[in-house]
Amino acid sequence: MSHDLSDEALLAACATGDRAALGGLFDRFSGAVYRFLSRLPSTDEFSRDDIVQATFLELPRTAAQFQGRSSVKTWILGVASNAARHQQRSEQRRHAHHERFATVPIASSSSPDVEVDLRKLLERIGIALATLPHEQQVAFVLCDLEQLSGVDVARGFGIPEGTLWRRLHMARKALRAALAPRGAP
């Protein structure tokens, strides 16, 4: 049925919450949105699918703003451009936030060898932490790095204390294994 409707009619139906119309718009324009994003130097291949999805998730909310000054395709590409810009800003903020908290000041009295070894260790810890499941990362960071009370963390997340302690134990165990010297038992 959506293949019989014009682009404008599909967009108008999408504005009313018609999911079939949104699906029709996706079928018609997702390839064009992906091609457009692939030509933007600011979008990488890993984020394009997310931006395409964000574009079409935004359409029901913004479709009523379409005034017919351009084709529906051009208007949707404008929505995609905004989604790409928002994604890029979010990524930059996330990266800056990560960098701010990931860098640990090292005492200047340390020898260069000690500084290099410490930075390598911190990098290995960051990589090992990134491989943990999200729940274990949260438990480790909140309890061991932020030094919050396990009881408070469990209450804050609405989970049993035992669940938090299990997650923390699994995180510590995985980090110890990842950081153990090569060939160590």
N, C-alpha and C. Protein backbone atom coordinates (compact mmCIF):
# COMPACT_ATOMS: atom_id res chain seq x y z
N MET A 1 0.81 -1.19 0.00
CA MET A 1 0.00 0.00 0.00
C MET A 1 0.86 1.26 0.00
N SER A 2 1.95 1.30 0.81
CA SER A 2 2.77 2.50 0.89
C SER A 2 3.47 2.79 -0.43
N HIS A 3 3.63 1.76 -1.28
CA HIS A 3 4.29 1.99 -2.57
C HIS A 3 3.39 2.77 -3.53
N ASP A 4 2.09 2.84 -3.24
CA ASP A 4 1.15 3.60 -4.07
C ASP A 4 1.10 5.07 -3.69
N LEU A 5 1.56 5.42 -2.50
CA LEU A 5 1.47 6.79 -2.01
C LEU A 5 2.67 7.62 -2.44
N SER A 6 2.45 8.92 -2.59
CA SER A 6 3.55 9.83 -2.91
C SER A 6 4.45 9.98 -1.68
N ASP A 7 5.62 10.51 -1.91
CA ASP A 7 6.54 10.76 -0.80
C ASP A 7 5.92 11.71 0.21
N GLU A 8 5.26 12.74 -0.29
CA GLU A 8 4.62 13.73 0.58
C GLU A 8 3.52 13.09 1.43
N ALA A 9 2.73 12.21 0.81
CA ALA A 9 1.64 11.54 1.54
C ALA A 9 2.21 10.62 2.62
N LEU A 10 3.28 9.93 2.30
CA LEU A 10 3.91 9.07 3.30
C LEU A 10 4.44 9.89 4.47
N LEU A 11 5.06 11.03 4.17
CA LEU A 11 5.60 11.87 5.23
C LEU A 11 4.46 12.43 6.10
N ALA A 12 3.37 12.82 5.47
CA ALA A 12 2.21 13.33 6.23
C ALA A 12 1.64 12.23 7.12
N ALA A 13 1.56 11.02 6.61
CA ALA A 13 1.06 9.90 7.42
C ALA A 13 2.04 9.58 8.55
N CYS A 14 3.31 9.70 8.26
CA CYS A 14 4.34 9.47 9.28
C CYS A 14 4.18 10.47 10.42
N ALA A 15 3.81 11.69 10.09
CA ALA A 15 3.63 12.73 11.11
C ALA A 15 2.50 12.38 12.07
N THR A 16 1.57 11.54 11.63
CA THR A 16 0.46 11.14 12.50
C THR A 16 0.79 9.88 13.29
N GLY A 17 1.99 9.35 13.11
CA GLY A 17 2.40 8.15 13.84
C GLY A 17 2.20 6.85 13.08
N ASP A 18 1.92 6.94 11.80
CA ASP A 18 1.69 5.74 10.98
C ASP A 18 3.02 5.02 10.77
N ARG A 19 3.17 3.87 11.40
CA ARG A 19 4.43 3.12 11.31
C ARG A 19 4.67 2.54 9.92
N ALA A 20 3.59 2.17 9.24
CA ALA A 20 3.74 1.64 7.88
C ALA A 20 4.29 2.73 6.96
N ALA A 21 3.84 3.97 7.17
CA ALA A 21 4.35 5.07 6.36
C ALA A 21 5.83 5.29 6.65
N LEU A 22 6.21 5.21 7.92
CA LEU A 22 7.63 5.33 8.27
C LEU A 22 8.43 4.22 7.60
N GLY A 23 7.90 3.01 7.60
CA GLY A 23 8.57 1.90 6.93
C GLY A 23 8.69 2.14 5.43
N GLY A 24 7.65 2.72 4.83
CA GLY A 24 7.71 3.04 3.41
C GLY A 24 8.77 4.08 3.11
N LEU A 25 8.87 5.09 3.96
CA LEU A 25 9.92 6.10 3.80
C LEU A 25 11.30 5.48 3.95
N PHE A 26 11.42 4.60 4.93
CA PHE A 26 12.70 3.92 5.13
C PHE A 26 13.08 3.12 3.87
N ASP A 27 12.12 2.36 3.36
CA ASP A 27 12.39 1.56 2.16
C ASP A 27 12.82 2.43 0.98
N ARG A 28 12.19 3.57 0.86
CA ARG A 28 12.49 4.44 -0.28
C ARG A 28 13.81 5.19 -0.13
N PHE A 29 14.12 5.62 1.07
CA PHE A 29 15.21 6.58 1.22
C PHE A 29 16.40 6.14 2.06
N SER A 30 16.35 4.99 2.69
CA SER A 30 17.47 4.60 3.56
C SER A 30 18.77 4.44 2.77
N GLY A 31 18.68 3.92 1.56
CA GLY A 31 19.88 3.79 0.73
C GLY A 31 20.49 5.15 0.40
N ALA A 32 19.63 6.12 0.07
CA ALA A 32 20.11 7.46 -0.25
C ALA A 32 20.74 8.12 0.98
N VAL A 33 20.12 7.91 2.14
CA VAL A 33 20.67 8.48 3.38
C VAL A 33 22.04 7.86 3.66
N TYR A 34 22.15 6.54 3.51
CA TYR A 34 23.43 5.88 3.76
C TYR A 34 24.50 6.39 2.79
N ARG A 35 24.15 6.51 1.51
CA ARG A 35 25.13 7.02 0.53
C ARG A 35 25.56 8.44 0.89
N PHE A 36 24.59 9.27 1.25
CA PHE A 36 24.90 10.64 1.65
C PHE A 36 25.88 10.65 2.82
N LEU A 37 25.60 9.85 3.85
CA LEU A 37 26.46 9.80 5.03
C LEU A 37 27.84 9.26 4.69
N SER A 38 27.91 8.32 3.76
CA SER A 38 29.21 7.74 3.41
C SER A 38 30.10 8.76 2.69
N ARG A 39 29.48 9.80 2.14
CA ARG A 39 30.26 10.83 1.46
C ARG A 39 30.69 11.96 2.39
N LEU A 40 30.14 11.97 3.59
CA LEU A 40 30.54 12.99 4.55
C LEU A 40 31.80 12.54 5.26
N PRO A 41 32.86 13.32 5.23
CA PRO A 41 34.10 12.90 5.89
C PRO A 41 33.95 12.80 7.41
N SER A 42 32.94 13.46 7.97
CA SER A 42 32.78 13.45 9.43
C SER A 42 32.11 12.19 9.95
N THR A 43 31.60 11.34 9.07
CA THR A 43 30.97 10.10 9.55
C THR A 43 31.85 8.92 9.18
N ASP A 44 32.05 8.05 10.14
CA ASP A 44 32.86 6.86 9.86
C ASP A 44 31.93 5.68 9.58
N GLU A 45 32.51 4.65 9.01
CA GLU A 45 31.71 3.50 8.60
C GLU A 45 31.03 2.81 9.77
N PHE A 46 31.54 2.97 10.98
CA PHE A 46 30.96 2.29 12.13
C PHE A 46 29.73 3.01 12.66
N SER A 47 29.60 4.29 12.38
CA SER A 47 28.46 5.04 12.92
C SER A 47 27.36 5.27 11.90
N ARG A 48 27.58 4.96 10.65
CA ARG A 48 26.59 5.26 9.61
C ARG A 48 25.26 4.57 9.84
N ASP A 49 25.26 3.30 10.17
CA ASP A 49 24.00 2.59 10.40
C ASP A 49 23.23 3.23 11.55
N ASP A 50 23.95 3.64 12.60
CA ASP A 50 23.29 4.29 13.73
C ASP A 50 22.68 5.62 13.33
N ILE A 51 23.37 6.36 12.48
CA ILE A 51 22.86 7.66 12.06
C ILE A 51 21.67 7.48 11.13
N VAL A 52 21.71 6.48 10.26
CA VAL A 52 20.54 6.19 9.41
C VAL A 52 19.34 5.88 10.30
N GLN A 53 19.55 5.03 11.29
CA GLN A 53 18.46 4.69 12.20
C GLN A 53 17.96 5.93 12.95
N ALA A 54 18.87 6.74 13.45
CA ALA A 54 18.48 7.95 14.17
C ALA A 54 17.69 8.89 13.26
N THR A 55 18.08 8.96 12.00
CA THR A 55 17.36 9.81 11.05
C THR A 55 15.91 9.39 10.94
N PHE A 56 15.67 8.10 10.75
CA PHE A 56 14.30 7.64 10.56
C PHE A 56 13.52 7.60 11.86
N LEU A 57 14.20 7.48 12.98
CA LEU A 57 13.49 7.58 14.26
C LEU A 57 13.07 9.02 14.55
N GLU A 58 13.77 9.97 13.96
CA GLU A 58 13.46 11.38 14.14
C GLU A 58 12.28 11.82 13.26
N LEU A 59 12.03 11.13 12.17
CA LEU A 59 11.01 11.56 11.22
C LEU A 59 9.61 11.72 11.82
N PRO A 60 9.10 10.77 12.60
CA PRO A 60 7.75 10.97 13.12
C PRO A 60 7.62 12.25 13.96
N ARG A 61 8.68 12.62 14.64
CA ARG A 61 8.66 13.81 15.48
C ARG A 61 8.74 15.10 14.66
N THR A 62 9.46 15.06 13.54
CA THR A 62 9.71 16.29 12.78
C THR A 62 8.93 16.37 11.47
N ALA A 63 8.24 15.32 11.08
CA ALA A 63 7.57 15.29 9.78
C ALA A 63 6.56 16.42 9.60
N ALA A 64 5.92 16.85 10.65
CA ALA A 64 4.94 17.93 10.55
C ALA A 64 5.60 19.26 10.17
N GLN A 65 6.91 19.36 10.33
CA GLN A 65 7.62 20.59 9.99
C GLN A 65 7.91 20.71 8.49
N PHE A 66 7.70 19.63 7.75
CA PHE A 66 7.95 19.65 6.31
C PHE A 66 6.98 20.64 5.66
N GLN A 67 7.52 21.59 4.90
CA GLN A 67 6.69 22.63 4.30
C GLN A 67 6.63 22.53 2.78
N GLY A 68 7.26 21.53 2.20
CA GLY A 68 7.18 21.35 0.76
C GLY A 68 8.08 22.26 -0.04
N ARG A 69 9.03 22.91 0.59
CA ARG A 69 9.95 23.80 -0.13
C ARG A 69 11.01 23.03 -0.91
N SER A 70 11.15 21.76 -0.60
CA SER A 70 12.09 20.89 -1.29
C SER A 70 11.42 19.53 -1.46
N SER A 71 12.12 18.62 -2.09
CA SER A 71 11.58 17.28 -2.19
C SER A 71 11.66 16.60 -0.83
N VAL A 72 10.89 15.57 -0.62
CA VAL A 72 10.93 14.83 0.63
C VAL A 72 12.33 14.23 0.83
N LYS A 73 12.92 13.76 -0.26
CA LYS A 73 14.26 13.18 -0.17
C LYS A 73 15.26 14.21 0.35
N THR A 74 15.23 15.41 -0.21
CA THR A 74 16.16 16.45 0.23
C THR A 74 15.92 16.79 1.69
N TRP A 75 14.65 16.87 2.09
CA TRP A 75 14.32 17.19 3.47
C TRP A 75 14.84 16.10 4.41
N ILE A 76 14.67 14.82 4.02
CA ILE A 76 15.16 13.71 4.85
C ILE A 76 16.68 13.75 4.93
N LEU A 77 17.35 14.10 3.85
CA LEU A 77 18.81 14.22 3.90
C LEU A 77 19.23 15.35 4.84
N GLY A 78 18.41 16.40 4.94
CA GLY A 78 18.67 17.45 5.92
C GLY A 78 18.55 16.93 7.34
N VAL A 79 17.55 16.09 7.58
CA VAL A 79 17.39 15.46 8.90
C VAL A 79 18.61 14.58 9.18
N ALA A 80 19.07 13.85 8.16
CA ALA A 80 20.26 13.00 8.32
C ALA A 80 21.49 13.84 8.62
N SER A 81 21.60 14.99 7.97
CA SER A 81 22.73 15.89 8.23
C SER A 81 22.74 16.34 9.68
N ASN A 82 21.57 16.69 10.19
CA ASN A 82 21.46 17.09 11.60
C ASN A 82 21.80 15.93 12.52
N ALA A 83 21.32 14.74 12.19
CA ALA A 83 21.61 13.56 13.02
C ALA A 83 23.11 13.29 13.03
N ALA A 84 23.76 13.44 11.88
CA ALA A 84 25.21 13.22 11.81
C ALA A 84 25.96 14.26 12.64
N ARG A 85 25.51 15.51 12.58
CA ARG A 85 26.15 16.56 13.37
C ARG A 85 25.98 16.29 14.87
N HIS A 86 24.78 15.88 15.27
CA HIS A 86 24.55 15.57 16.69
C HIS A 86 25.40 14.38 17.13
N GLN A 87 25.51 13.38 16.28
CA GLN A 87 26.32 12.21 16.62
C GLN A 87 27.78 12.60 16.76
N GLN A 88 28.27 13.45 15.86
CA GLN A 88 29.66 13.87 15.91
C GLN A 88 29.94 14.68 17.18
N ARG A 89 29.02 15.58 17.53
CA ARG A 89 29.20 16.36 18.76
C ARG A 89 29.19 15.45 19.98
N SER A 90 28.28 14.49 20.00
CA SER A 90 28.22 13.56 21.13
C SER A 90 29.51 12.77 21.24
N GLU A 91 30.02 12.33 20.11
CA GLU A 91 31.26 11.56 20.10
C GLU A 91 32.42 12.42 20.59
N GLN A 92 32.47 13.67 20.17
CA GLN A 92 33.54 14.56 20.61
C GLN A 92 33.45 14.81 22.11
N ARG A 93 32.23 15.03 22.62
CA ARG A 93 32.06 15.24 24.06
C ARG A 93 32.44 13.98 24.83
N ARG A 94 32.02 12.82 24.33
CA ARG A 94 32.35 11.58 25.00
C ARG A 94 33.86 11.36 25.02
N HIS A 95 34.50 11.63 23.91
CA HIS A 95 35.95 11.45 23.82
C HIS A 95 36.67 12.42 24.77
N ALA A 96 36.24 13.68 24.77
CA ALA A 96 36.87 14.67 25.66
C ALA A 96 36.66 14.28 27.12
N HIS A 97 35.46 13.83 27.44
CA HIS A 97 35.16 13.40 28.81
C HIS A 97 36.04 12.21 29.19
N HIS A 98 36.14 11.26 28.29
CA HIS A 98 36.96 10.08 28.54
C HIS A 98 38.42 10.47 28.73
N GLU A 99 38.92 11.34 27.88
CA GLU A 99 40.31 11.77 27.98
C GLU A 99 40.57 12.49 29.30
N ARG A 100 39.61 13.31 29.71
CA ARG A 100 39.79 14.08 30.94
C ARG A 100 39.92 13.17 32.15
N PHE A 101 39.14 12.09 32.17
CA PHE A 101 39.18 11.21 33.32
C PHE A 101 40.12 10.02 33.13
N ALA A 102 40.52 9.76 31.89
CA ALA A 102 41.40 8.63 31.65
C ALA A 102 42.86 8.96 31.91
N THR A 103 43.21 10.23 31.80
CA THR A 103 44.60 10.59 32.03
C THR A 103 44.83 10.80 33.51
N VAL A 104 45.80 10.13 34.00
CA VAL A 104 46.14 10.22 35.41
C VAL A 104 47.45 10.99 35.52
N PRO A 105 47.44 12.07 36.27
CA PRO A 105 48.70 12.80 36.40
C PRO A 105 49.75 11.95 37.09
N ILE A 106 50.93 12.00 36.58
CA ILE A 106 52.04 11.23 37.14
C ILE A 106 53.03 12.21 37.74
N ALA A 107 53.47 11.90 38.92
CA ALA A 107 54.40 12.79 39.62
C ALA A 107 55.60 13.07 38.73
N SER A 108 55.97 14.34 38.66
CA SER A 108 57.08 14.73 37.78
C SER A 108 58.42 14.23 38.30
N SER A 109 58.46 13.80 39.56
CA SER A 109 59.71 13.30 40.10
C SER A 109 60.00 11.87 39.63
N SER A 110 59.02 11.26 38.96
CA SER A 110 59.22 9.90 38.46
C SER A 110 60.21 9.91 37.30
N SER A 111 60.93 8.83 37.20
CA SER A 111 61.86 8.72 36.08
C SER A 111 61.04 8.45 34.81
N PRO A 112 61.60 8.77 33.66
CA PRO A 112 60.86 8.51 32.42
C PRO A 112 60.48 7.04 32.25
N ASP A 113 61.34 6.13 32.70
CA ASP A 113 61.02 4.70 32.60
C ASP A 113 59.81 4.34 33.44
N VAL A 114 59.73 4.90 34.64
CA VAL A 114 58.60 4.63 35.52
C VAL A 114 57.32 5.20 34.90
N GLU A 115 57.42 6.42 34.34
CA GLU A 115 56.26 7.04 33.70
C GLU A 115 55.77 6.19 32.53
N VAL A 116 56.67 5.72 31.70
CA VAL A 116 56.30 4.90 30.55
C VAL A 116 55.63 3.62 31.02
N ASP A 117 56.20 2.96 32.01
CA ASP A 117 55.63 1.72 32.53
C ASP A 117 54.24 1.96 33.12
N LEU A 118 54.10 3.06 33.86
CA LEU A 118 52.81 3.36 34.47
C LEU A 118 51.76 3.67 33.39
N ARG A 119 52.13 4.42 32.39
CA ARG A 119 51.19 4.73 31.31
C ARG A 119 50.79 3.46 30.55
N LYS A 120 51.73 2.56 30.33
CA LYS A 120 51.42 1.29 29.66
C LYS A 120 50.45 0.47 30.51
N LEU A 121 50.68 0.45 31.82
CA LEU A 121 49.79 -0.27 32.72
C LEU A 121 48.39 0.33 32.70
N LEU A 122 48.31 1.66 32.75
CA LEU A 122 47.00 2.32 32.71
C LEU A 122 46.28 2.04 31.39
N GLU A 123 47.02 1.99 30.31
CA GLU A 123 46.42 1.67 29.01
C GLU A 123 45.89 0.24 29.01
N ARG A 124 46.66 -0.70 29.56
CA ARG A 124 46.20 -2.10 29.64
C ARG A 124 44.96 -2.22 30.51
N ILE A 125 44.92 -1.46 31.62
CA ILE A 125 43.74 -1.48 32.49
C ILE A 125 42.53 -0.95 31.72
N GLY A 126 42.70 0.15 31.00
CA GLY A 126 41.60 0.71 30.21
C GLY A 126 41.08 -0.26 29.18
N ILE A 127 41.99 -0.94 28.50
CA ILE A 127 41.59 -1.92 27.48
C ILE A 127 40.87 -3.10 28.14
N ALA A 128 41.42 -3.59 29.25
CA ALA A 128 40.80 -4.72 29.95
C ALA A 128 39.42 -4.33 30.47
N LEU A 129 39.30 -3.13 31.00
CA LEU A 129 38.01 -2.66 31.52
C LEU A 129 36.98 -2.57 30.40
N ALA A 130 37.41 -2.14 29.24
CA ALA A 130 36.50 -1.99 28.10
C ALA A 130 35.95 -3.33 27.61
N THR A 131 36.66 -4.43 27.91
CA THR A 131 36.19 -5.74 27.45
C THR A 131 35.15 -6.36 28.38
N LEU A 132 34.97 -5.78 29.56
CA LEU A 132 34.01 -6.32 30.52
C LEU A 132 32.59 -5.98 30.11
N PRO A 133 31.62 -6.82 30.51
CA PRO A 133 30.22 -6.45 30.30
C PRO A 133 29.91 -5.14 31.03
N HIS A 134 28.96 -4.40 30.52
CA HIS A 134 28.63 -3.07 31.05
C HIS A 134 28.37 -3.11 32.55
N GLU A 135 27.61 -4.07 33.04
CA GLU A 135 27.26 -4.13 34.46
C GLU A 135 28.51 -4.31 35.33
N GLN A 136 29.47 -5.09 34.84
CA GLN A 136 30.71 -5.28 35.58
C GLN A 136 31.57 -4.02 35.55
N GLN A 137 31.59 -3.33 34.41
CA GLN A 137 32.33 -2.07 34.33
C GLN A 137 31.79 -1.09 35.35
N VAL A 138 30.47 -0.97 35.40
CA VAL A 138 29.83 -0.02 36.31
C VAL A 138 30.17 -0.37 37.75
N ALA A 139 30.04 -1.64 38.10
CA ALA A 139 30.33 -2.07 39.47
C ALA A 139 31.78 -1.75 39.83
N PHE A 140 32.71 -2.07 38.94
CA PHE A 140 34.12 -1.83 39.22
C PHE A 140 34.43 -0.35 39.35
N VAL A 141 33.96 0.44 38.41
CA VAL A 141 34.26 1.87 38.44
C VAL A 141 33.66 2.53 39.67
N LEU A 142 32.39 2.22 39.97
CA LEU A 142 31.75 2.88 41.11
C LEU A 142 32.35 2.44 42.45
N CYS A 143 32.59 1.15 42.60
CA CYS A 143 33.07 0.65 43.89
C CYS A 143 34.58 0.80 44.07
N ASP A 144 35.35 0.42 43.06
CA ASP A 144 36.80 0.41 43.23
C ASP A 144 37.48 1.72 42.83
N LEU A 145 36.98 2.38 41.80
CA LEU A 145 37.63 3.62 41.37
C LEU A 145 37.01 4.85 42.04
N GLU A 146 35.69 4.90 42.07
CA GLU A 146 35.02 6.04 42.71
C GLU A 146 34.89 5.83 44.21
N GLN A 147 35.16 4.62 44.68
CA GLN A 147 35.14 4.25 46.09
C GLN A 147 33.80 4.55 46.77
N LEU A 148 32.72 4.25 46.03
CA LEU A 148 31.39 4.37 46.62
C LEU A 148 31.07 3.09 47.38
N SER A 149 30.22 3.21 48.34
CA SER A 149 29.80 2.05 49.14
C SER A 149 29.01 1.08 48.26
N GLY A 150 29.35 -0.19 48.37
CA GLY A 150 28.63 -1.21 47.61
C GLY A 150 27.14 -1.23 47.94
N VAL A 151 26.83 -1.01 49.21
CA VAL A 151 25.44 -0.97 49.64
C VAL A 151 24.70 0.16 48.93
N ASP A 152 25.33 1.35 48.88
CA ASP A 152 24.71 2.49 48.22
C ASP A 152 24.57 2.26 46.71
N VAL A 153 25.57 1.66 46.10
CA VAL A 153 25.51 1.38 44.66
C VAL A 153 24.37 0.41 44.37
N ALA A 154 24.28 -0.66 45.16
CA ALA A 154 23.21 -1.64 44.95
C ALA A 154 21.84 -0.98 45.10
N ARG A 155 21.68 -0.17 46.14
CA ARG A 155 20.40 0.53 46.34
C ARG A 155 20.11 1.48 45.19
N GLY A 156 21.14 2.21 44.77
CA GLY A 156 20.96 3.18 43.68
C GLY A 156 20.52 2.54 42.39
N PHE A 157 20.98 1.33 42.13
CA PHE A 157 20.61 0.63 40.90
C PHE A 157 19.44 -0.32 41.10
N GLY A 158 18.96 -0.41 42.34
CA GLY A 158 17.81 -1.26 42.61
C GLY A 158 18.09 -2.73 42.41
N ILE A 159 19.31 -3.16 42.76
CA ILE A 159 19.68 -4.57 42.62
C ILE A 159 20.06 -5.11 43.99
N PRO A 160 19.94 -6.42 44.19
CA PRO A 160 20.38 -7.00 45.45
C PRO A 160 21.89 -6.80 45.65
N GLU A 161 22.29 -6.64 46.90
CA GLU A 161 23.71 -6.46 47.19
C GLU A 161 24.54 -7.62 46.66
N GLY A 162 24.01 -8.83 46.80
CA GLY A 162 24.73 -10.00 46.31
C GLY A 162 25.02 -9.92 44.82
N THR A 163 24.09 -9.37 44.07
CA THR A 163 24.29 -9.21 42.62
C THR A 163 25.43 -8.24 42.35
N LEU A 164 25.45 -7.14 43.10
CA LEU A 164 26.53 -6.17 42.93
C LEU A 164 27.87 -6.82 43.28
N TRP A 165 27.93 -7.54 44.40
CA TRP A 165 29.20 -8.14 44.82
C TRP A 165 29.66 -9.19 43.80
N ARG A 166 28.70 -9.93 43.21
CA ARG A 166 29.07 -10.91 42.19
C ARG A 166 29.66 -10.20 40.96
N ARG A 167 29.01 -9.12 40.53
CA ARG A 167 29.52 -8.36 39.38
C ARG A 167 30.91 -7.80 39.67
N LEU A 168 31.09 -7.28 40.86
CA LEU A 168 32.38 -6.72 41.24
C LEU A 168 33.44 -7.81 41.29
N HIS A 169 33.09 -8.97 41.85
CA HIS A 169 34.03 -10.09 41.91
C HIS A 169 34.43 -10.53 40.50
N MET A 170 33.45 -10.66 39.62
CA MET A 170 33.73 -11.10 38.24
C MET A 170 34.61 -10.07 37.52
N ALA A 171 34.34 -8.79 37.75
CA ALA A 171 35.14 -7.74 37.12
C ALA A 171 36.58 -7.79 37.61
N ARG A 172 36.75 -7.89 38.93
CA ARG A 172 38.11 -7.96 39.48
C ARG A 172 38.86 -9.18 38.96
N LYS A 173 38.17 -10.30 38.92
CA LYS A 173 38.79 -11.55 38.45
C LYS A 173 39.22 -11.41 36.99
N ALA A 174 38.35 -10.84 36.15
CA ALA A 174 38.68 -10.67 34.74
C ALA A 174 39.83 -9.68 34.55
N LEU A 175 39.84 -8.62 35.35
CA LEU A 175 40.92 -7.64 35.24
C LEU A 175 42.25 -8.23 35.70
N ARG A 176 42.22 -9.00 36.79
CA ARG A 176 43.46 -9.66 37.24
C ARG A 176 44.00 -10.58 36.16
N ALA A 177 43.11 -11.33 35.53
CA ALA A 177 43.53 -12.26 34.47
C ALA A 177 44.10 -11.49 33.28
N ALA A 178 43.45 -10.40 32.92
CA ALA A 178 43.91 -9.62 31.77
C ALA A 178 45.23 -8.92 32.04
N LEU A 179 45.48 -8.58 33.29
CA LEU A 179 46.68 -7.83 33.64
C LEU A 179 47.83 -8.71 34.12
N ALA A 180 47.56 -10.00 34.27
CA ALA A 180 48.61 -10.92 34.74
C ALA A 180 49.74 -10.95 33.72
N PRO A 181 50.97 -11.06 34.20
CA PRO A 181 52.10 -11.16 33.26
C PRO A 181 51.91 -12.37 32.35
N ARG A 182 52.33 -12.22 31.13
CA ARG A 182 52.19 -13.30 30.15
C ARG A 182 52.89 -14.56 30.66
N GLY A 183 52.21 -15.67 30.57
CA GLY A 183 52.78 -16.95 30.98
C GLY A 183 52.61 -17.23 32.46
N ALA A 184 52.03 -16.29 33.21
CA ALA A 184 51.80 -16.52 34.65
C ALA A 184 50.56 -17.35 34.83
N PRO A 185 50.51 -18.19 35.89
CA PRO A 185 49.33 -19.03 36.11
C PRO A 185 48.12 -18.24 36.52
